[in-house]
Amino acid sequence: MKIKWIKYIAGLAALLLVICLFQSCCDTLFVASRDVYTSPQGTNTIIIEYDHVCRPYVYQKTWYGKREIWIYPRSGFMETVSFGVEWLSEDKFRMIYDDKDDELDEEYFITIPE
């Protein structure tokens, strides 16, 4: 009876390790870079992840992981870019991309849903 429980617990531990390994490998494969920003009073944290063509994806950090709140509406960039974040309030911020040649300047206002 004890051997069955030991095998059961070992199987669950192995499954948990495989899931963690898979999650970390997927993160490495699909995310090129990541920026984390916290609101002025510290109540909200957003994560901006860039894929390999520098499209930003905005997530809200939650106690169980992250929740997607915004996806870049256009195609990606040919060079490495980074969007700046300016907090307007605790649940609203502005994402800014300032091109060196001032040809492709972009600005997005994003509200974090409740």
N, C-alpha and C. Protein backbone atom coordinates (compact mmCIF):
# COMPACT_ATOMS: atom_id res chain seq x y z
N MET A 1 0.82 -1.19 0.00
CA MET A 1 0.00 0.00 0.00
C MET A 1 0.87 1.27 0.00
N LYS A 2 1.95 1.25 0.81
CA LYS A 2 2.84 2.41 0.86
C LYS A 2 3.54 2.63 -0.47
N ILE A 3 3.89 1.56 -1.14
CA ILE A 3 4.59 1.66 -2.42
C ILE A 3 3.70 2.31 -3.47
N LYS A 4 2.39 2.02 -3.43
CA LYS A 4 1.46 2.65 -4.37
C LYS A 4 1.43 4.16 -4.16
N TRP A 5 1.39 4.60 -2.90
CA TRP A 5 1.36 6.02 -2.61
C TRP A 5 2.66 6.70 -3.03
N ILE A 6 3.77 6.05 -2.81
CA ILE A 6 5.06 6.61 -3.21
C ILE A 6 5.13 6.75 -4.73
N LYS A 7 4.66 5.74 -5.46
CA LYS A 7 4.64 5.82 -6.92
C LYS A 7 3.70 6.92 -7.40
N TYR A 8 2.55 7.05 -6.74
CA TYR A 8 1.57 8.07 -7.10
C TYR A 8 2.16 9.47 -6.89
N ILE A 9 2.79 9.70 -5.74
CA ILE A 9 3.38 11.00 -5.44
C ILE A 9 4.55 11.29 -6.38
N ALA A 10 5.36 10.28 -6.66
CA ALA A 10 6.48 10.47 -7.59
C ALA A 10 5.98 10.80 -9.00
N GLY A 11 4.89 10.16 -9.42
CA GLY A 11 4.30 10.45 -10.73
C GLY A 11 3.78 11.87 -10.81
N LEU A 12 3.10 12.33 -9.74
CA LEU A 12 2.60 13.71 -9.71
C LEU A 12 3.75 14.72 -9.71
N ALA A 13 4.81 14.42 -8.97
CA ALA A 13 5.97 15.32 -8.95
C ALA A 13 6.63 15.39 -10.32
N ALA A 14 6.74 14.25 -10.99
CA ALA A 14 7.32 14.23 -12.34
C ALA A 14 6.45 15.01 -13.31
N LEU A 15 5.13 14.87 -13.21
CA LEU A 15 4.22 15.61 -14.07
C LEU A 15 4.35 17.11 -13.83
N LEU A 16 4.44 17.52 -12.58
CA LEU A 16 4.61 18.93 -12.25
C LEU A 16 5.92 19.47 -12.82
N LEU A 17 6.99 18.71 -12.73
CA LEU A 17 8.27 19.14 -13.30
C LEU A 17 8.21 19.28 -14.81
N VAL A 18 7.52 18.35 -15.48
CA VAL A 18 7.38 18.43 -16.93
C VAL A 18 6.58 19.66 -17.33
N ILE A 19 5.51 19.96 -16.59
CA ILE A 19 4.70 21.14 -16.89
C ILE A 19 5.52 22.41 -16.70
N CYS A 20 6.28 22.51 -15.63
CA CYS A 20 7.13 23.69 -15.39
C CYS A 20 8.20 23.84 -16.47
N LEU A 21 8.79 22.74 -16.87
CA LEU A 21 9.81 22.77 -17.93
C LEU A 21 9.20 23.22 -19.25
N PHE A 22 8.01 22.70 -19.57
CA PHE A 22 7.33 23.08 -20.81
C PHE A 22 7.00 24.57 -20.80
N GLN A 23 6.50 25.07 -19.67
CA GLN A 23 6.14 26.48 -19.58
C GLN A 23 7.37 27.38 -19.75
N SER A 24 8.48 27.02 -19.14
CA SER A 24 9.67 27.85 -19.27
C SER A 24 10.25 27.79 -20.68
N CYS A 25 10.16 26.64 -21.33
CA CYS A 25 10.65 26.53 -22.72
C CYS A 25 9.78 27.33 -23.67
N CYS A 26 8.46 27.28 -23.49
CA CYS A 26 7.56 28.06 -24.35
C CYS A 26 7.83 29.54 -24.18
N ASP A 27 8.06 29.97 -22.96
CA ASP A 27 8.35 31.38 -22.71
C ASP A 27 9.62 31.79 -23.43
N THR A 28 10.63 30.95 -23.41
CA THR A 28 11.90 31.25 -24.08
C THR A 28 11.74 31.27 -25.59
N LEU A 29 10.91 30.38 -26.12
CA LEU A 29 10.75 30.29 -27.57
C LEU A 29 9.92 31.43 -28.15
N PHE A 30 8.90 31.89 -27.45
CA PHE A 30 7.94 32.83 -28.03
C PHE A 30 8.09 34.27 -27.57
N VAL A 31 8.86 34.54 -26.53
CA VAL A 31 9.01 35.90 -26.02
C VAL A 31 10.46 36.35 -26.21
N ALA A 32 10.64 37.43 -26.97
CA ALA A 32 12.00 37.94 -27.21
C ALA A 32 12.48 38.80 -26.05
N SER A 33 11.61 39.67 -25.53
CA SER A 33 11.98 40.49 -24.38
C SER A 33 10.73 40.82 -23.58
N ARG A 34 10.96 41.31 -22.36
CA ARG A 34 9.85 41.59 -21.45
C ARG A 34 10.19 42.81 -20.61
N ASP A 35 9.21 43.70 -20.46
CA ASP A 35 9.35 44.87 -19.58
C ASP A 35 8.22 44.82 -18.56
N VAL A 36 8.52 45.19 -17.33
CA VAL A 36 7.52 45.19 -16.26
C VAL A 36 7.41 46.61 -15.70
N TYR A 37 6.18 47.11 -15.58
CA TYR A 37 5.92 48.45 -15.07
C TYR A 37 4.87 48.36 -13.96
N THR A 38 5.07 49.15 -12.91
CA THR A 38 4.13 49.19 -11.80
C THR A 38 3.51 50.57 -11.73
N SER A 39 2.21 50.63 -11.44
CA SER A 39 1.50 51.90 -11.36
C SER A 39 2.06 52.75 -10.22
N PRO A 40 1.79 54.06 -10.23
CA PRO A 40 2.38 54.96 -9.23
C PRO A 40 2.10 54.55 -7.78
N GLN A 41 0.91 54.07 -7.48
CA GLN A 41 0.60 53.67 -6.11
C GLN A 41 0.86 52.18 -5.87
N GLY A 42 1.27 51.47 -6.90
CA GLY A 42 1.62 50.07 -6.75
C GLY A 42 0.47 49.09 -6.78
N THR A 43 -0.72 49.53 -7.19
CA THR A 43 -1.87 48.62 -7.19
C THR A 43 -1.95 47.76 -8.44
N ASN A 44 -1.39 48.21 -9.55
CA ASN A 44 -1.41 47.44 -10.80
C ASN A 44 0.01 47.27 -11.33
N THR A 45 0.25 46.10 -11.88
CA THR A 45 1.52 45.81 -12.55
C THR A 45 1.21 45.31 -13.94
N ILE A 46 1.85 45.90 -14.94
CA ILE A 46 1.66 45.43 -16.31
C ILE A 46 2.97 44.84 -16.82
N ILE A 47 2.82 43.89 -17.71
CA ILE A 47 3.96 43.23 -18.33
C ILE A 47 3.82 43.44 -19.83
N ILE A 48 4.85 43.97 -20.46
CA ILE A 48 4.85 44.12 -21.91
C ILE A 48 5.85 43.12 -22.46
N GLU A 49 5.33 42.17 -23.23
CA GLU A 49 6.18 41.16 -23.85
C GLU A 49 6.25 41.43 -25.34
N TYR A 50 7.44 41.28 -25.90
CA TYR A 50 7.65 41.47 -27.33
C TYR A 50 7.96 40.12 -27.95
N ASP A 51 7.28 39.82 -29.07
CA ASP A 51 7.62 38.59 -29.78
C ASP A 51 8.85 38.85 -30.66
N HIS A 52 9.18 37.91 -31.51
CA HIS A 52 10.42 38.02 -32.28
C HIS A 52 10.35 39.01 -33.45
N VAL A 53 9.19 39.59 -33.73
CA VAL A 53 9.10 40.69 -34.70
C VAL A 53 8.68 41.97 -33.98
N CYS A 54 8.95 42.02 -32.68
CA CYS A 54 8.78 43.20 -31.83
C CYS A 54 7.35 43.72 -31.74
N ARG A 55 6.37 42.84 -31.82
CA ARG A 55 4.99 43.24 -31.55
C ARG A 55 4.77 43.18 -30.04
N PRO A 56 4.29 44.28 -29.44
CA PRO A 56 4.07 44.24 -27.99
C PRO A 56 2.72 43.60 -27.63
N TYR A 57 2.73 42.83 -26.58
CA TYR A 57 1.53 42.26 -25.98
C TYR A 57 1.51 42.74 -24.54
N VAL A 58 0.39 43.30 -24.10
CA VAL A 58 0.31 43.86 -22.75
C VAL A 58 -0.53 42.92 -21.88
N TYR A 59 0.03 42.58 -20.72
CA TYR A 59 -0.63 41.71 -19.77
C TYR A 59 -0.72 42.42 -18.42
N GLN A 60 -1.74 42.09 -17.67
CA GLN A 60 -1.84 42.54 -16.29
C GLN A 60 -1.38 41.40 -15.39
N LYS A 61 -0.50 41.70 -14.48
CA LYS A 61 -0.02 40.67 -13.55
C LYS A 61 -1.11 40.40 -12.53
N THR A 62 -1.43 39.12 -12.33
CA THR A 62 -2.43 38.71 -11.35
C THR A 62 -1.78 37.76 -10.36
N TRP A 63 -2.51 37.37 -9.35
CA TRP A 63 -1.95 36.46 -8.34
C TRP A 63 -1.71 35.07 -8.91
N TYR A 64 -2.40 34.71 -9.99
CA TYR A 64 -2.25 33.38 -10.58
C TYR A 64 -1.43 33.39 -11.87
N GLY A 65 -0.90 34.53 -12.28
CA GLY A 65 -0.11 34.58 -13.51
C GLY A 65 -0.27 35.92 -14.19
N LYS A 66 -0.81 35.90 -15.42
CA LYS A 66 -1.00 37.15 -16.15
C LYS A 66 -2.26 37.04 -17.00
N ARG A 67 -2.87 38.21 -17.25
CA ARG A 67 -4.10 38.28 -18.05
C ARG A 67 -3.86 39.27 -19.19
N GLU A 68 -4.15 38.84 -20.41
CA GLU A 68 -3.92 39.69 -21.59
C GLU A 68 -4.94 40.81 -21.62
N ILE A 69 -4.44 42.05 -21.81
CA ILE A 69 -5.36 43.18 -21.88
C ILE A 69 -5.25 43.96 -23.18
N TRP A 70 -4.18 43.75 -23.97
CA TRP A 70 -4.05 44.50 -25.22
C TRP A 70 -3.07 43.80 -26.14
N ILE A 71 -3.39 43.82 -27.44
CA ILE A 71 -2.52 43.25 -28.48
C ILE A 71 -2.24 44.34 -29.51
N TYR A 72 -1.03 44.41 -29.98
CA TYR A 72 -0.65 45.39 -31.00
C TYR A 72 -1.45 45.14 -32.28
N PRO A 73 -2.12 46.16 -32.83
CA PRO A 73 -3.03 45.94 -33.97
C PRO A 73 -2.37 45.84 -35.34
N ARG A 74 -1.08 46.10 -35.44
CA ARG A 74 -0.41 46.09 -36.74
C ARG A 74 0.57 44.93 -36.84
N SER A 75 1.26 44.88 -37.99
CA SER A 75 2.32 43.88 -38.14
C SER A 75 3.54 44.33 -37.34
N GLY A 76 4.54 43.50 -37.28
CA GLY A 76 5.71 43.79 -36.45
C GLY A 76 6.67 44.78 -37.08
N PHE A 77 7.84 44.89 -36.48
CA PHE A 77 8.88 45.82 -36.91
C PHE A 77 10.08 45.04 -37.43
N MET A 78 10.85 45.67 -38.29
CA MET A 78 12.05 45.03 -38.83
C MET A 78 13.25 45.20 -37.90
N GLU A 79 13.17 46.14 -36.96
CA GLU A 79 14.26 46.36 -36.03
C GLU A 79 13.73 46.17 -34.61
N THR A 80 14.62 46.12 -33.66
CA THR A 80 14.22 45.97 -32.27
C THR A 80 13.68 47.29 -31.76
N VAL A 81 12.46 47.27 -31.25
CA VAL A 81 11.83 48.48 -30.74
C VAL A 81 11.39 48.26 -29.29
N SER A 82 11.13 49.36 -28.63
CA SER A 82 10.64 49.31 -27.27
C SER A 82 9.65 50.46 -27.09
N PHE A 83 8.51 50.16 -26.51
CA PHE A 83 7.49 51.16 -26.25
C PHE A 83 7.70 51.70 -24.84
N GLY A 84 7.52 53.01 -24.69
CA GLY A 84 7.59 53.62 -23.37
C GLY A 84 6.21 53.63 -22.74
N VAL A 85 6.17 53.66 -21.43
CA VAL A 85 4.90 53.66 -20.69
C VAL A 85 4.85 54.90 -19.81
N GLU A 86 3.72 55.60 -19.89
CA GLU A 86 3.47 56.75 -19.02
C GLU A 86 2.13 56.52 -18.33
N TRP A 87 2.15 56.42 -17.01
CA TRP A 87 0.91 56.18 -16.26
C TRP A 87 0.10 57.47 -16.18
N LEU A 88 -1.19 57.38 -16.52
CA LEU A 88 -2.10 58.52 -16.42
C LEU A 88 -2.91 58.45 -15.14
N SER A 89 -3.23 57.25 -14.70
CA SER A 89 -3.91 57.00 -13.42
C SER A 89 -3.56 55.57 -13.01
N GLU A 90 -4.21 55.08 -11.97
CA GLU A 90 -3.89 53.73 -11.49
C GLU A 90 -4.34 52.65 -12.47
N ASP A 91 -5.33 52.94 -13.29
CA ASP A 91 -5.82 51.92 -14.22
C ASP A 91 -5.78 52.36 -15.68
N LYS A 92 -5.05 53.41 -15.98
CA LYS A 92 -4.94 53.89 -17.36
C LYS A 92 -3.51 54.34 -17.61
N PHE A 93 -2.97 53.94 -18.78
CA PHE A 93 -1.61 54.35 -19.13
C PHE A 93 -1.52 54.58 -20.63
N ARG A 94 -0.43 55.21 -21.01
CA ARG A 94 -0.19 55.52 -22.42
C ARG A 94 1.08 54.80 -22.85
N MET A 95 0.99 54.09 -23.98
CA MET A 95 2.16 53.44 -24.57
C MET A 95 2.62 54.29 -25.74
N ILE A 96 3.92 54.59 -25.77
CA ILE A 96 4.47 55.50 -26.78
C ILE A 96 5.62 54.81 -27.50
N TYR A 97 5.59 54.91 -28.83
CA TYR A 97 6.75 54.50 -29.63
C TYR A 97 7.21 55.73 -30.39
N ASP A 98 8.43 56.16 -30.15
CA ASP A 98 8.98 57.35 -30.80
C ASP A 98 10.07 56.91 -31.76
N ASP A 99 9.77 56.99 -33.05
CA ASP A 99 10.72 56.60 -34.09
C ASP A 99 11.80 57.68 -34.22
N LYS A 100 13.01 57.28 -34.53
CA LYS A 100 14.12 58.24 -34.68
C LYS A 100 13.86 59.24 -35.79
N ASP A 101 13.24 58.80 -36.89
CA ASP A 101 12.98 59.67 -38.02
C ASP A 101 11.63 60.39 -37.91
N ASP A 102 10.90 60.15 -36.85
CA ASP A 102 9.56 60.72 -36.64
C ASP A 102 8.59 60.35 -37.75
N GLU A 103 8.79 59.21 -38.37
CA GLU A 103 7.86 58.76 -39.41
C GLU A 103 6.78 57.85 -38.84
N LEU A 104 7.15 57.02 -37.89
CA LEU A 104 6.23 56.00 -37.38
C LEU A 104 5.90 56.19 -35.91
N ASP A 105 5.80 57.42 -35.46
CA ASP A 105 5.45 57.65 -34.05
C ASP A 105 4.06 57.09 -33.78
N GLU A 106 3.93 56.36 -32.68
CA GLU A 106 2.65 55.75 -32.32
C GLU A 106 2.34 56.02 -30.87
N GLU A 107 1.05 56.09 -30.56
CA GLU A 107 0.61 56.35 -29.20
C GLU A 107 -0.70 55.61 -28.97
N TYR A 108 -0.77 54.87 -27.89
CA TYR A 108 -1.97 54.10 -27.56
C TYR A 108 -2.35 54.37 -26.11
N PHE A 109 -3.64 54.59 -25.86
CA PHE A 109 -4.16 54.76 -24.51
C PHE A 109 -4.85 53.46 -24.12
N ILE A 110 -4.42 52.88 -23.02
CA ILE A 110 -4.92 51.57 -22.61
C ILE A 110 -5.47 51.68 -21.20
N THR A 111 -6.68 51.15 -21.01
CA THR A 111 -7.30 51.10 -19.70
C THR A 111 -7.30 49.66 -19.21
N ILE A 112 -6.87 49.47 -17.99
CA ILE A 112 -6.85 48.13 -17.40
C ILE A 112 -8.26 47.80 -16.94
N PRO A 113 -8.86 46.71 -17.45
CA PRO A 113 -10.22 46.37 -17.03
C PRO A 113 -10.26 45.88 -15.58
N GLU A 114 -11.40 46.05 -14.96
CA GLU A 114 -11.57 45.60 -13.56
C GLU A 114 -11.66 44.10 -13.48
